[in-house]
Structure formats: C-alpha cells, structure tokens
Amino acid sequence: MEGMAYGAGKAGGAFDPLTFFRQPQTILRIVSWLFAIVIFGSIANEGYVNRPDEVEGVLHLQPQPERL
C-alpha cells in the first residue's frame, strides 16, 4: 500500500508537468483565470469603445430608427 500514497507521502517524488496540466481541475482553473482576465479587462475598459463621432449616453434612452 505504500505505492498508493497521496499528499505528503508523494512530496519528494518527481513532478510531471504533463500529468499536472491534463487534470480537469487544472484545466478548469486556467480557463477560469482567462475568463476572469477578459471580464476584468472589459469592466476596466468600461465595456465599450469610445467613438469620437458619438455622444455618450444611456443606450435605452437614445432614439431608435424606425423599423418596417
């Protein structure tokens, strides 16, 4: 049963990065970090691109073109 040790029992063992990055928990953490960076960047940029020809305002209050 010594070969089935977890945690501190494997602390001195070799580290295999390929096995580490293939774990679902690691993949999920990396994807979560990327998602968080994109969302934070969007919030920090206020979620839109400033165009010099447009007036800033609330989108719901701007007049909409007539639809046929």
Protein backbone atom coordinates (compact mmCIF):
# COMPACT_ATOMS: atom_id res chain seq x y z
CA MET A 1 0.00 0.00 0.00
CA GLU A 2 2.97 2.32 0.18
CA GLY A 3 2.79 2.96 -3.59
CA MET A 4 -0.72 4.38 -3.23
CA ALA A 5 0.27 7.31 -1.01
CA TYR A 6 -1.26 10.74 -1.52
CA GLY A 7 -0.34 14.20 -0.26
CA ALA A 8 2.75 14.41 1.93
CA GLY A 9 3.75 10.85 1.04
CA LYS A 10 4.47 11.98 -2.52
CA ALA A 11 6.16 15.24 -1.54
CA GLY A 12 9.62 14.03 -2.52
CA GLY A 13 8.53 12.46 -5.83
CA ALA A 14 9.24 13.71 -9.32
CA PHE A 15 6.93 16.37 -10.76
CA ASP A 16 5.36 15.57 -14.12
CA PRO A 17 4.03 18.79 -15.69
CA LEU A 18 2.16 16.97 -18.47
CA THR A 19 0.14 14.96 -15.96
CA PHE A 20 -0.45 18.10 -13.90
CA PHE A 21 -1.82 20.14 -16.81
CA ARG A 22 -4.05 17.30 -18.01
CA GLN A 23 -6.01 17.20 -14.76
CA PRO A 24 -9.54 18.59 -15.15
CA GLN A 25 -9.11 20.76 -12.06
CA THR A 26 -6.02 22.44 -13.53
CA ILE A 27 -7.66 22.96 -16.92
CA LEU A 28 -10.71 24.49 -15.26
CA ARG A 29 -8.55 26.83 -13.18
CA ILE A 30 -6.65 28.03 -16.26
CA VAL A 31 -9.88 28.63 -18.19
CA SER A 32 -11.36 30.43 -15.17
CA TRP A 33 -8.33 32.71 -14.94
CA LEU A 34 -8.55 33.57 -18.65
CA PHE A 35 -12.27 34.27 -18.34
CA ALA A 36 -11.68 36.47 -15.29
CA ILE A 37 -8.97 38.45 -17.09
CA VAL A 38 -11.25 39.05 -20.09
CA ILE A 39 -14.16 40.15 -17.87
CA PHE A 40 -11.93 42.38 -15.75
CA GLY A 41 -10.46 43.95 -18.88
CA SER A 42 -13.93 44.60 -20.23
CA ILE A 43 -15.05 46.23 -16.98
CA ALA A 44 -11.86 48.28 -16.73
CA ASN A 45 -12.41 49.47 -20.31
CA GLU A 46 -16.00 50.30 -19.34
CA GLY A 47 -17.29 47.67 -21.75
CA TYR A 48 -17.27 49.77 -24.89
CA VAL A 49 -15.10 51.57 -27.42
CA ASN A 50 -15.18 55.34 -27.36
CA ARG A 51 -16.01 56.75 -30.77
CA PRO A 52 -15.39 60.46 -31.29
CA ASP A 53 -18.47 60.90 -33.52
CA GLU A 54 -20.96 59.52 -30.97
CA VAL A 55 -22.40 61.22 -27.93
CA GLU A 56 -22.19 59.27 -24.70
CA GLY A 57 -25.49 58.38 -23.14
CA VAL A 58 -27.73 55.61 -21.96
CA LEU A 59 -28.48 53.24 -24.83
CA HIS A 60 -32.11 52.75 -23.79
CA LEU A 61 -32.83 56.48 -24.00
CA GLN A 62 -31.37 57.11 -27.47
CA PRO A 63 -33.88 57.32 -30.32
CA GLN A 64 -34.05 54.16 -32.39
CA PRO A 65 -34.54 54.21 -36.17
CA GLU A 66 -37.97 53.19 -37.41
CA ARG A 67 -38.30 49.56 -38.42
CA LEU A 68 -40.51 48.48 -41.27
